[in-house]
């Protein structure tokens, strides 16, 4: 008489209990293979879609639109850094106003004894930084007499969508944000 249940897959290593073995070496080999496959797929896609060389496609900058603009020399390094800082400030602001479900992250990272006080301090800092950013954005939009610089930040930096007509206004806004954070000193310019 046959055993009840499914037939066993042949060639599978099994534990003494009869279950398929999940030995660390086997799992590590599978994850290394799958990681290498995923990386090669990503590199191939970047080469095909963006016309990059495989060496450039492996770099971290090739993974974001701002990084690709930097690699294409459409943005300078200080402008790309301003874009990264703006993106992080936007995320912190979203967390501080409760617009994202990941509202516990800052309290856990602070390591303080009272998570509520740490989160309140985080929120106050994020909101103050965001108000400075909004003041700079307002000034630039008024000087440019256009909403394009602010739209460029939203479309290119936050959403990651490439709109060629917004790259110029993006540079203007990133220059202003770079002055806010002192990134123009890195380039050798005098701060105003």
Protein backbone atom coordinates (compact mmCIF):
# COMPACT_ATOMS: atom_id res chain seq x y z
CA UNK A 1 0.00 0.00 0.00
CA UNK A 2 1.27 3.47 -0.92
CA UNK A 3 1.92 6.37 1.45
CA UNK A 4 -0.62 9.15 1.68
CA UNK A 5 0.19 12.63 0.38
CA UNK A 6 2.26 14.06 -2.45
CA UNK A 7 5.12 12.22 -3.97
CA UNK A 8 8.55 13.43 -2.95
CA UNK A 9 10.57 15.40 -5.47
CA UNK A 10 13.61 13.36 -6.49
CA UNK A 11 17.07 14.84 -5.97
CA UNK A 12 16.12 17.02 -2.97
CA UNK A 13 18.29 16.90 0.15
CA UNK A 14 16.16 16.03 3.14
CA UNK A 15 16.41 16.46 6.87
CA UNK A 16 15.95 13.42 9.16
CA UNK A 17 12.32 14.47 9.64
CA UNK A 18 11.73 14.06 5.90
CA UNK A 19 11.38 17.77 5.12
CA UNK A 20 13.43 19.36 2.37
CA UNK A 21 16.76 20.55 3.82
CA UNK A 22 17.36 24.30 3.86
CA UNK A 23 21.04 24.07 4.67
CA UNK A 24 22.84 27.40 4.87
CA UNK A 25 25.25 26.52 2.04
CA UNK A 26 22.42 25.67 -0.32
CA UNK A 27 20.49 28.81 0.54
CA UNK A 28 23.60 31.00 0.24
CA UNK A 29 24.44 29.51 -3.16
CA UNK A 30 20.90 30.13 -4.39
CA UNK A 31 20.85 33.71 -3.13
CA UNK A 32 24.27 34.45 -4.66
CA UNK A 33 23.10 33.07 -8.01
CA UNK A 34 19.85 35.00 -7.89
CA UNK A 35 21.67 38.20 -6.86
CA UNK A 36 24.11 37.84 -9.75
CA UNK A 37 21.21 37.19 -12.14
CA UNK A 38 19.34 40.24 -10.88
CA UNK A 39 22.42 42.44 -11.21
CA UNK A 40 23.08 41.25 -14.76
CA UNK A 41 19.44 41.90 -15.67
CA UNK A 42 19.64 45.42 -14.25
CA UNK A 43 22.90 46.16 -16.06
CA UNK A 44 21.52 44.82 -19.36
CA UNK A 45 18.37 46.92 -19.00
CA UNK A 46 20.35 50.10 -18.25
CA UNK A 47 22.60 49.47 -21.24
CA UNK A 48 19.61 48.87 -23.50
CA UNK A 49 17.38 51.69 -22.23
CA UNK A 50 19.89 54.44 -21.53
CA UNK A 51 22.73 53.60 -23.93
CA UNK A 52 25.35 53.25 -21.19
CA UNK A 53 28.44 51.11 -21.20
CA UNK A 54 28.21 48.07 -18.89
CA UNK A 55 30.84 49.56 -16.55
CA UNK A 56 28.87 52.80 -16.15
CA UNK A 57 25.59 50.88 -15.84
CA UNK A 58 26.93 49.07 -12.76
CA UNK A 59 27.52 52.32 -10.88
CA UNK A 60 25.12 53.50 -8.19
CA UNK A 61 24.50 56.80 -9.98
CA UNK A 62 23.01 54.98 -12.96
CA UNK A 63 20.15 53.79 -10.77
CA UNK A 64 18.39 57.15 -10.45
CA UNK A 65 17.38 59.87 -12.86
CA UNK A 66 19.45 62.48 -11.03
CA UNK A 67 22.45 60.15 -11.18
CA UNK A 68 21.96 59.58 -14.90
CA UNK A 69 21.75 63.34 -15.45
CA UNK A 70 25.01 63.63 -13.51
CA UNK A 71 26.65 60.91 -15.62
CA UNK A 72 25.41 62.63 -18.80
CA UNK A 73 26.94 65.89 -17.48
CA UNK A 74 23.59 67.65 -17.53
CA UNK A 75 24.00 68.31 -13.79
CA UNK A 76 27.12 69.16 -11.78
CA UNK A 77 28.09 67.21 -8.68
CA UNK A 78 26.92 69.98 -6.32
CA UNK A 79 23.56 70.13 -8.11
CA UNK A 80 23.16 66.35 -7.81
CA UNK A 81 23.98 66.58 -4.10
CA UNK A 82 21.37 69.34 -3.70
CA UNK A 83 18.83 67.09 -5.44
CA UNK A 84 19.64 64.21 -3.07
CA UNK A 85 19.32 66.48 -0.04
CA UNK A 86 16.01 67.84 -1.32
CA UNK A 87 14.70 64.30 -1.83
CA UNK A 88 15.68 63.30 1.72
CA UNK A 89 14.20 66.52 3.15
CA UNK A 90 10.98 65.81 1.27
CA UNK A 91 10.78 62.32 2.78
CA UNK A 92 11.49 63.67 6.29
CA UNK A 93 8.79 66.30 5.81
CA UNK A 94 6.29 63.67 4.64
CA UNK A 95 7.07 61.57 7.72
CA UNK A 96 6.77 64.58 10.04
CA UNK A 97 3.29 65.49 8.80
CA UNK A 98 2.12 61.87 8.86
CA UNK A 99 1.75 61.53 5.10
CA UNK A 100 3.68 58.25 5.03
CA UNK A 101 3.10 55.06 7.01
CA UNK A 102 6.77 54.88 8.08
CA UNK A 103 6.37 57.40 10.89
CA UNK A 104 8.26 55.37 13.52
CA UNK A 105 11.61 55.27 11.74
CA UNK A 106 13.22 58.44 13.20
CA UNK A 107 12.45 57.54 16.82
CA UNK A 108 14.04 54.13 16.39
CA UNK A 109 17.21 55.58 14.86
CA UNK A 110 17.63 58.30 17.47
CA UNK A 111 18.37 55.82 20.25
CA UNK A 112 16.86 58.18 22.82
CA UNK A 113 15.12 57.03 25.95
CA UNK A 114 11.78 58.62 25.05
CA UNK A 115 10.71 57.82 21.49
CA UNK A 116 7.84 60.35 21.57
CA UNK A 117 10.16 63.24 22.43
CA UNK A 118 12.68 62.08 19.81
CA UNK A 119 9.96 61.95 17.19
CA UNK A 120 8.68 65.40 18.18
CA UNK A 121 12.21 66.78 17.86
CA UNK A 122 12.57 65.07 14.50
CA UNK A 123 9.28 66.59 13.31
CA UNK A 124 10.25 70.08 14.47
CA UNK A 125 13.61 69.84 12.69
CA UNK A 126 12.06 68.47 9.50
CA UNK A 127 9.36 71.16 9.43
CA UNK A 128 11.89 73.95 10.03
CA UNK A 129 14.10 72.66 7.23
CA UNK A 130 11.10 72.35 4.92
CA UNK A 131 10.03 75.94 5.63
CA UNK A 132 13.53 77.14 4.64
CA UNK A 133 13.31 75.10 1.44
CA UNK A 134 9.85 76.50 0.68
CA UNK A 135 11.18 80.06 1.15
CA UNK A 136 13.98 79.40 -1.34
CA UNK A 137 11.54 77.81 -3.79
CA UNK A 138 9.23 80.80 -3.53
CA UNK A 139 12.06 83.25 -4.10
CA UNK A 140 13.32 81.36 -7.17
CA UNK A 141 9.84 81.08 -8.66
CA UNK A 142 9.34 84.80 -8.14
CA UNK A 143 12.70 85.65 -9.73
CA UNK A 144 12.06 83.32 -12.67
CA UNK A 145 8.39 84.37 -12.91
CA UNK A 146 7.55 80.75 -13.49
CA UNK A 147 6.38 77.67 -11.62
CA UNK A 148 8.73 75.50 -13.70
CA UNK A 149 11.60 75.33 -11.14
CA UNK A 150 9.29 73.96 -8.45
CA UNK A 151 7.62 71.62 -10.93
CA UNK A 152 11.06 70.40 -12.01
CA UNK A 153 11.90 69.39 -8.44
CA UNK A 154 8.64 67.48 -8.13
CA UNK A 155 8.75 65.78 -11.51
CA UNK A 156 12.47 65.01 -11.88
CA UNK A 157 13.76 64.65 -8.31
CA UNK A 158 10.74 63.28 -6.42
CA UNK A 159 8.91 61.29 -9.12
CA UNK A 160 11.97 60.39 -11.19
CA UNK A 161 10.38 61.24 -14.56
CA UNK A 162 12.58 62.71 -17.27
CA UNK A 163 11.10 65.82 -18.90
CA UNK A 164 13.72 67.48 -21.06
CA UNK A 165 12.11 70.92 -20.89
CA UNK A 166 12.40 70.93 -17.08
CA UNK A 167 16.14 70.21 -16.85
CA UNK A 168 17.09 73.90 -17.18
CA UNK A 169 14.65 75.10 -14.48
CA UNK A 170 15.84 72.19 -12.32
CA UNK A 171 19.43 73.49 -12.52
CA UNK A 172 18.27 76.96 -11.44
CA UNK A 173 16.40 75.57 -8.44
CA UNK A 174 19.23 73.22 -7.46
CA UNK A 175 21.71 76.12 -7.59
CA UNK A 176 19.51 78.05 -5.15
CA UNK A 177 19.11 75.04 -2.85
CA UNK A 178 22.86 74.45 -3.06
CA UNK A 179 23.43 78.00 -1.79
CA UNK A 180 21.00 77.29 1.06
CA UNK A 181 23.05 74.26 2.13
CA UNK A 182 26.44 75.80 1.36
CA UNK A 183 27.21 73.46 -1.53
CA UNK A 184 28.38 76.33 -3.74
CA UNK A 185 31.43 76.67 -1.48
CA UNK A 186 32.53 73.23 -2.68
CA UNK A 187 32.62 74.55 -6.24
CA UNK A 188 34.81 77.45 -5.14
CA UNK A 189 32.23 80.25 -5.38
CA UNK A 190 31.76 82.84 -2.69
CA UNK A 191 28.53 82.55 -0.73
CA UNK A 192 26.18 85.48 -1.11
